PDB file of N, CA and C in Angstrom:
ATOM      1  N   MET A   1      24.985   4.141 -21.226  1.00  0.00           N
ATOM      2  CA  MET A   1      23.848   4.630 -22.333  1.00  0.00           C
ATOM      3  C   MET A   1      24.391   4.806 -23.663  1.00  0.00           C
ATOM      4  N   VAL A   2      23.507   3.961 -24.226  1.00  0.00           N
ATOM      5  CA  VAL A   2      23.127   3.875 -25.978  1.00  0.00           C
ATOM      6  C   VAL A   2      22.435   5.116 -26.614  1.00  0.00           C
ATOM      7  N   ASN A   3      23.359   5.661 -27.679  1.00  0.00           N
ATOM      8  CA  ASN A   3      22.513   7.098 -28.025  1.00  0.00           C
ATOM      9  C   ASN A   3      22.486   6.247 -29.169  1.00  0.00           C
ATOM     10  N   ALA A   4      20.728   6.360 -30.118  1.00  0.00           N
ATOM     11  CA  ALA A   4      20.360   5.380 -31.014  1.00  0.00           C
ATOM     12  C   ALA A   4      19.624   6.926 -32.113  1.00  0.00           C
ATOM     13  N   THR A   5      20.546   6.755 -33.662  1.00  0.00           N
ATOM     14  CA  THR A   5      19.563   7.817 -33.847  1.00  0.00           C
ATOM     15  C   THR A   5      19.329   7.074 -35.660  1.00  0.00           C
ATOM     16  N   LYS A   6      18.017   7.082 -35.947  1.00  0.00           N
ATOM     17  CA  LYS A   6      17.396   6.944 -37.020  1.00  0.00           C
ATOM     18  C   LYS A   6      17.709   7.176 -38.322  1.00  0.00           C
ATOM     19  N   GLY A   7      17.500   7.346 -39.248  1.00  0.00           N
ATOM     20  CA  GLY A   7      19.127   7.195 -40.228  1.00  0.00           C
ATOM     21  C   GLY A   7      18.250   6.442 -41.818  1.00  0.00           C
ATOM     22  N   LEU A   8      19.059   6.890 -42.533  1.00  0.00           N
ATOM     23  CA  LEU A   8      19.296   5.769 -44.439  1.00  0.00           C
ATOM     24  C   LEU A   8      20.486   5.763 -44.200  1.00  0.00           C
ATOM     25  N   VAL A   9      20.984   4.654 -44.732  1.00  0.00           N
ATOM     26  CA  VAL A   9      22.344   4.545 -45.121  1.00  0.00           C
ATOM     27  C   VAL A   9      22.123   4.356 -46.885  1.00  0.00           C
ATOM     28  N   ILE A  10      22.902   5.264 -46.882  1.00  0.00           N
ATOM     29  CA  ILE A  10      22.950   5.987 -48.695  1.00  0.00           C
ATOM     30  C   ILE A  10      25.057   4.803 -49.447  1.00  0.00           C
ATOM     31  N   SER A  11      24.822   4.432 -50.258  1.00  0.00           N
ATOM     32  CA  SER A  11      25.330   3.344 -50.872  1.00  0.00           C
ATOM     33  C   SER A  11      25.441   3.912 -52.572  1.00  0.00           C
ATOM     34  N   CYS A  12      26.411   4.586 -52.536  1.00  0.00           N
ATOM     35  CA  CYS A  12      27.226   5.043 -53.689  1.00  0.00           C
ATOM     36  C   CYS A  12      28.490   5.349 -54.346  1.00  0.00           C
ATOM     37  N   ASP A  13      28.461   5.490 -55.768  1.00  0.00           N
ATOM     38  CA  ASP A  13      29.968   5.639 -55.863  1.00  0.00           C
ATOM     39  C   ASP A  13      30.741   7.396 -55.433  1.00  0.00           C
ATOM     40  N   ILE A  14      31.686   7.459 -55.474  1.00  0.00           N
ATOM     41  CA  ILE A  14      32.208   8.323 -54.771  1.00  0.00           C
ATOM     42  C   ILE A  14      31.790   9.818 -55.555  1.00  0.00           C
ATOM     43  N   PRO A  15      31.013  10.147 -57.039  1.00  0.00           N
ATOM     44  CA  PRO A  15      30.961  11.455 -57.920  1.00  0.00           C
ATOM     45  C   PRO A  15      29.575  11.653 -56.795  1.00  0.00           C
ATOM     46  N   MET A  16      29.365  10.465 -56.638  1.00  0.00           N
ATOM     47  CA  MET A  16      27.302  10.958 -56.932  1.00  0.00           C
ATOM     48  C   MET A  16      27.213  11.205 -54.542  1.00  0.00           C
ATOM     49  N   ALA A  17      28.179  10.797 -54.217  1.00  0.00           N
ATOM     50  CA  ALA A  17      28.484  11.183 -52.959  1.00  0.00           C
ATOM     51  C   ALA A  17      28.533  12.186 -53.040  1.00  0.00           C
ATOM     52  N   GLN A  18      29.865  12.567 -53.663  1.00  0.00           N
ATOM     53  CA  GLN A  18      30.168  14.328 -53.022  1.00  0.00           C
ATOM     54  C   GLN A  18      29.572  15.408 -53.531  1.00  0.00           C
ATOM     55  N   PHE A  19      28.208  15.202 -54.239  1.00  0.00           N
ATOM     56  CA  PHE A  19      27.211  15.735 -55.176  1.00  0.00           C
ATOM     57  C   PHE A  19      25.903  15.841 -54.238  1.00  0.00           C
ATOM     58  N   ILE A  20      26.236  14.785 -52.886  1.00  0.00           N
ATOM     59  CA  ILE A  20      24.792  14.389 -52.116  1.00  0.00           C
ATOM     60  C   ILE A  20      25.337  15.605 -51.202  1.00  0.00           C
ATOM     61  N   ILE A  21      26.848  16.190 -50.688  1.00  0.00           N
ATOM     62  CA  ILE A  21      27.768  15.844 -49.569  1.00  0.00           C
ATOM     63  C   ILE A  21      27.399  17.740 -50.229  1.00  0.00           C
ATOM     64  N   ASN A  22      27.751  18.066 -51.138  1.00  0.00           N
ATOM     65  CA  ASN A  22      27.472  19.245 -52.066  1.00  0.00           C
ATOM     66  C   ASN A  22      26.244  20.053 -51.626  1.00  0.00           C
ATOM     67  N   MET A  23      24.874  18.712 -52.433  1.00  0.00           N
ATOM     68  CA  MET A  23      23.620  19.673 -52.680  1.00  0.00           C
ATOM     69  C   MET A  23      23.508  19.740 -49.994  1.00  0.00           C
ATOM     70  N   ASN A  24      24.121  18.701 -49.897  1.00  0.00           N
ATOM     71  CA  ASN A  24      23.274  18.839 -48.032  1.00  0.00           C
ATOM     72  C   ASN A  24      24.532  20.615 -47.294  1.00  0.00           C
ATOM     73  N   ALA A  25      25.275  20.331 -48.107  1.00  0.00           N
ATOM     74  CA  ALA A  25      26.590  22.064 -48.000  1.00  0.00           C
ATOM     75  C   ALA A  25      25.723  22.879 -48.781  1.00  0.00           C
ATOM     76  N   SER A  26      25.354  23.390 -48.952  1.00  0.00           N
ATOM     77  CA  SER A  26      24.439  24.537 -49.696  1.00  0.00           C
ATOM     78  C   SER A  26      22.782  24.677 -49.437  1.00  0.00           C
ATOM     79  N   LEU A  27      22.202  23.677 -47.825  1.00  0.00           N
ATOM     80  CA  LEU A  27      20.729  24.300 -47.508  1.00  0.00           C
ATOM     81  C   LEU A  27      20.860  25.107 -46.502  1.00  0.00           C
ATOM     82  N   PRO A  28      20.669  25.261 -45.861  1.00  0.00           N
ATOM     83  CA  PRO A  28      20.520  26.629 -44.542  1.00  0.00           C
ATOM     84  C   PRO A  28      20.443  25.750 -43.686  1.00  0.00           C
ATOM     85  N   ALA A  29      22.002  25.609 -42.020  1.00  0.00           N
ATOM     86  CA  ALA A  29      22.092  25.021 -41.778  1.00  0.00           C
ATOM     87  C   ALA A  29      20.020  23.818 -40.907  1.00  0.00           C
ATOM     88  N   SER A  30      19.077  24.543 -40.873  1.00  0.00           N
ATOM     89  CA  SER A  30      18.268  24.017 -40.356  1.00  0.00           C
ATOM     90  C   SER A  30      17.627  22.452 -41.261  1.00  0.00           C
ATOM     91  N   GLN A  31      17.647  22.610 -42.476  1.00  0.00           N
ATOM     92  CA  GLN A  31      17.401  21.571 -43.370  1.00  0.00           C
ATOM     93  C   GLN A  31      18.550  20.834 -43.882  1.00  0.00           C
ATOM     94  N   LYS A  32      19.869  20.930 -43.589  1.00  0.00           N
ATOM     95  CA  LYS A  32      21.201  19.836 -43.182  1.00  0.00           C
ATOM     96  C   LYS A  32      20.482  18.260 -43.175  1.00  0.00           C
ATOM     97  N   PHE A  33      20.749  17.488 -43.575  1.00  0.00           N
ATOM     98  CA  PHE A  33      19.873  16.673 -43.179  1.00  0.00           C
ATOM     99  C   PHE A  33      21.290  15.073 -44.057  1.00  0.00           C
ATOM    100  N   ILE A  34      22.440  15.529 -44.326  1.00  0.00           N
ATOM    101  CA  ILE A  34      24.054  13.954 -43.496  1.00  0.00           C
ATOM    102  C   ILE A  34      23.631  14.403 -41.884  1.00  0.00           C
ATOM    103  N   ILE A  35      23.862  12.919 -41.578  1.00  0.00           N
ATOM    104  CA  ILE A  35      24.296  12.601 -39.883  1.00  0.00           C
ATOM    105  C   ILE A  35      25.083  13.271 -39.888  1.00  0.00           C
ATOM    106  N   HIS A  36      25.649  11.995 -40.871  1.00  0.00           N
ATOM    107  CA  HIS A  36      27.221  11.328 -40.561  1.00  0.00           C
ATOM    108  C   HIS A  36      28.045  11.113 -41.946  1.00  0.00           C
ATOM    109  N   VAL A  37      29.081  11.231 -42.349  1.00  0.00           N
ATOM    110  CA  VAL A  37      29.780  10.953 -43.751  1.00  0.00           C
ATOM    111  C   VAL A  37      30.665   9.436 -42.914  1.00  0.00           C
ATOM    112  N   LEU A  38      29.697   8.050 -43.622  1.00  0.00           N
ATOM    113  CA  LEU A  38      30.500   7.013 -43.042  1.00  0.00           C
ATOM    114  C   LEU A  38      32.175   6.964 -43.720  1.00  0.00           C
ATOM    115  N   ASP A  39      31.902   6.902 -45.497  1.00  0.00           N
ATOM    116  CA  ASP A  39      33.238   6.805 -45.923  1.00  0.00           C
ATOM    117  C   ASP A  39      33.327   8.201 -47.216  1.00  0.00           C
ATOM    118  N   ASN A  40      33.626   7.033 -48.358  1.00  0.00           N
ATOM    119  CA  ASN A  40      34.085   7.922 -49.306  1.00  0.00           C
ATOM    120  C   ASN A  40      32.622   7.789 -50.164  1.00  0.00           C
ATOM    121  N   THR A  41      31.485   6.652 -50.391  1.00  0.00           N
ATOM    122  CA  THR A  41      30.805   5.752 -50.574  1.00  0.00           C
ATOM    123  C   THR A  41      29.591   5.470 -49.583  1.00  0.00           C
ATOM    124  N   HIS A  42      29.377   6.035 -48.742  1.00  0.00           N
ATOM    125  CA  HIS A  42      28.410   6.138 -47.817  1.00  0.00           C
ATOM    126  C   HIS A  42      28.085   6.483 -47.085  1.00  0.00           C
ATOM    127  N   LEU A  43      26.458   7.638 -46.836  1.00  0.00           N
ATOM    128  CA  LEU A  43      26.411   9.001 -46.309  1.00  0.00           C
ATOM    129  C   LEU A  43      25.251   7.691 -44.873  1.00  0.00           C
ATOM    130  N   PHE A  44      25.329   8.546 -43.574  1.00  0.00           N
ATOM    131  CA  PHE A  44      23.808   8.087 -42.955  1.00  0.00           C
ATOM    132  C   PHE A  44      23.113   9.791 -43.118  1.00  0.00           C
ATOM    133  N   VAL A  45      22.030   9.492 -43.074  1.00  0.00           N
ATOM    134  CA  VAL A  45      21.326  11.125 -43.472  1.00  0.00           C
ATOM    135  C   VAL A  45      20.121  10.466 -43.071  1.00  0.00           C
ATOM    136  N   GLN A  46      18.954  11.489 -42.843  1.00  0.00           N
ATOM    137  CA  GLN A  46      18.076  11.710 -42.555  1.00  0.00           C
ATOM    138  C   GLN A  46      16.921  10.725 -43.141  1.00  0.00           C
ATOM    139  N   PRO A  47      15.811  10.016 -42.511  1.00  0.00           N
ATOM    140  CA  PRO A  47      15.155   9.031 -43.595  1.00  0.00           C
ATOM    141  C   PRO A  47      13.759  10.002 -43.668  1.00  0.00           C
ATOM    142  N   HIS A  48      13.304  11.282 -43.454  1.00  0.00           N
ATOM    143  CA  HIS A  48      12.174  11.969 -44.057  1.00  0.00           C
ATOM    144  C   HIS A  48      12.875  12.342 -45.100  1.00  0.00           C
ATOM    145  N   MET A  49      14.316  12.962 -45.444  1.00  0.00           N
ATOM    146  CA  MET A  49      14.801  13.180 -46.675  1.00  0.00           C
ATOM    147  C   MET A  49      14.892  12.677 -48.375  1.00  0.00           C
ATOM    148  N   ALA A  50      14.278  10.753 -47.570  1.00  0.00           N
ATOM    149  CA  ALA A  50      15.062  10.298 -49.417  1.00  0.00           C
ATOM    150  C   ALA A  50      14.401  10.728 -49.959  1.00  0.00           C
ATOM    151  N   GLU A  51      13.260  10.971 -50.280  1.00  0.00           N
ATOM    152  CA  GLU A  51      12.761  10.878 -51.662  1.00  0.00           C
ATOM    153  C   GLU A  51      13.034  12.688 -51.800  1.00  0.00           C
ATOM    154  N   MET A  52      13.293  13.604 -51.383  1.00  0.00           N
ATOM    155  CA  MET A  52      13.825  14.799 -51.999  1.00  0.00           C
ATOM    156  C   MET A  52      15.495  14.135 -53.013  1.00  0.00           C
ATOM    157  N   ILE A  53      16.479  13.261 -51.461  1.00  0.00           N
ATOM    158  CA  ILE A  53      17.553  13.560 -52.578  1.00  0.00           C
ATOM    159  C   ILE A  53      17.693  12.289 -53.325  1.00  0.00           C
ATOM    160  N   ARG A  54      16.237  10.749 -53.859  1.00  0.00           N
ATOM    161  CA  ARG A  54      16.488  10.842 -55.192  1.00  0.00           C
ATOM    162  C   ARG A  54      15.794  11.649 -56.280  1.00  0.00           C
ATOM    163  N   SER A  55      15.275  12.996 -55.976  1.00  0.00           N
ATOM    164  CA  SER A  55      14.412  13.640 -56.814  1.00  0.00           C
ATOM    165  C   SER A  55      15.540  14.416 -57.351  1.00  0.00           C
ATOM    166  N   ALA A  56      16.718  14.997 -56.859  1.00  0.00           N
ATOM    167  CA  ALA A  56      17.357  16.190 -56.674  1.00  0.00           C
ATOM    168  C   ALA A  56      18.421  15.005 -57.684  1.00  0.00           C
ATOM    169  N   ILE A  57      18.810  13.533 -57.292  1.00  0.00           N
ATOM    170  CA  ILE A  57      19.989  12.688 -58.252  1.00  0.00           C
ATOM    171  C   ILE A  57      18.978  12.563 -59.568  1.00  0.00           C
ATOM    172  N   SER A  58      17.621  12.271 -59.564  1.00  0.00           N
ATOM    173  CA  SER A  58      17.061  12.285 -60.878  1.00  0.00           C
ATOM    174  C   SER A  58      17.340  13.366 -61.908  1.00  0.00           C
ATOM    175  N   ASP A  59      16.903  15.131 -60.985  1.00  0.00           N
ATOM    176  CA  ASP A  59      17.041  15.710 -61.994  1.00  0.00           C
ATOM    177  C   ASP A  59      19.023  16.578 -62.407  1.00  0.00           C
ATOM    178  N   PHE A  60      19.273  15.845 -61.304  1.00  0.00           N
ATOM    179  CA  PHE A  60      20.758  16.210 -62.037  1.00  0.00           C
ATOM    180  C   PHE A  60      21.166  15.311 -62.964  1.00  0.00           C
ATOM    181  N   ARG A  61      20.712  13.938 -63.357  1.00  0.00           N
ATOM    182  CA  ARG A  61      20.956  12.642 -64.272  1.00  0.00           C
ATOM    183  C   ARG A  61      20.443  13.197 -65.496  1.00  0.00           C
ATOM    184  N   ASP A  62      19.210  13.339 -65.956  1.00  0.00           N
ATOM    185  CA  ASP A  62      18.176  13.989 -66.491  1.00  0.00           C
ATOM    186  C   ASP A  62      19.408  15.327 -67.088  1.00  0.00           C
ATOM    187  N   GLN A  63      19.928  16.341 -66.698  1.00  0.00           N
ATOM    188  CA  GLN A  63      20.975  17.138 -66.774  1.00  0.00           C
ATOM    189  C   GLN A  63      22.143  16.690 -67.688  1.00  0.00           C
ATOM    190  N   ASN A  64      22.094  15.784 -67.217  1.00  0.00           N
ATOM    191  CA  ASN A  64      23.501  15.534 -67.649  1.00  0.00           C
ATOM    192  C   ASN A  64      23.709  14.243 -68.934  1.00  0.00           C
ATOM    193  N   SER A  65      22.510  14.072 -69.320  1.00  0.00           N
ATOM    194  CA  SER A  65      22.758  12.978 -70.065  1.00  0.00           C
ATOM    195  C   SER A  65      22.344  13.638 -71.573  1.00  0.00           C
ATOM    196  N   TYR A  66      22.886  12.810 -72.458  1.00  0.00           N
ATOM    197  CA  TYR A  66      23.297  13.056 -74.363  1.00  0.00           C
ATOM    198  C   TYR A  66      22.221  12.561 -74.981  1.00  0.00           C
ATOM    199  N   GLU A  67      21.844  13.823 -75.741  1.00  0.00           N
ATOM    200  CA  GLU A  67      20.238  12.835 -76.911  1.00  0.00           C
ATOM    201  C   GLU A  67      20.871  13.431 -77.539  1.00  0.00           C
ATOM    202  N   LYS A  68      20.446  12.447 -78.594  1.00  0.00           N
ATOM    203  CA  LYS A  68      21.311  13.309 -79.169  1.00  0.00           C
ATOM    204  C   LYS A  68      20.402  14.149 -80.449  1.00  0.00           C
ATOM    205  N   PRO A  69      20.890  14.280 -81.538  1.00  0.00           N
ATOM    206  CA  PRO A  69      19.514  15.100 -82.008  1.00  0.00           C
ATOM    207  C   PRO A  69      19.250  14.799 -82.938  1.00  0.00           C
ATOM    208  N   ALA A  70      17.290  14.941 -82.984  1.00  0.00           N
ATOM    209  CA  ALA A  70      17.129  14.469 -84.582  1.00  0.00           C
ATOM    210  C   ALA A  70      17.144  14.900 -85.631  1.00  0.00           C
TER     211      ALA A  70
END
């Protein structure tokens, strides 16, 4: 019998994958969203968490962007 799980594959570079894995690890067990780490640059996650992941990545990039002083 085949077991299928609906999910979303995320393809990213290694530092961003580590950020997502760390974000997942900081959540309580009931809220973890990574189903399987496929390799260093691919993650299989629960599909309903896509917008939360995008938002967290956007916030992370905004915090780590250099803005030249006026």
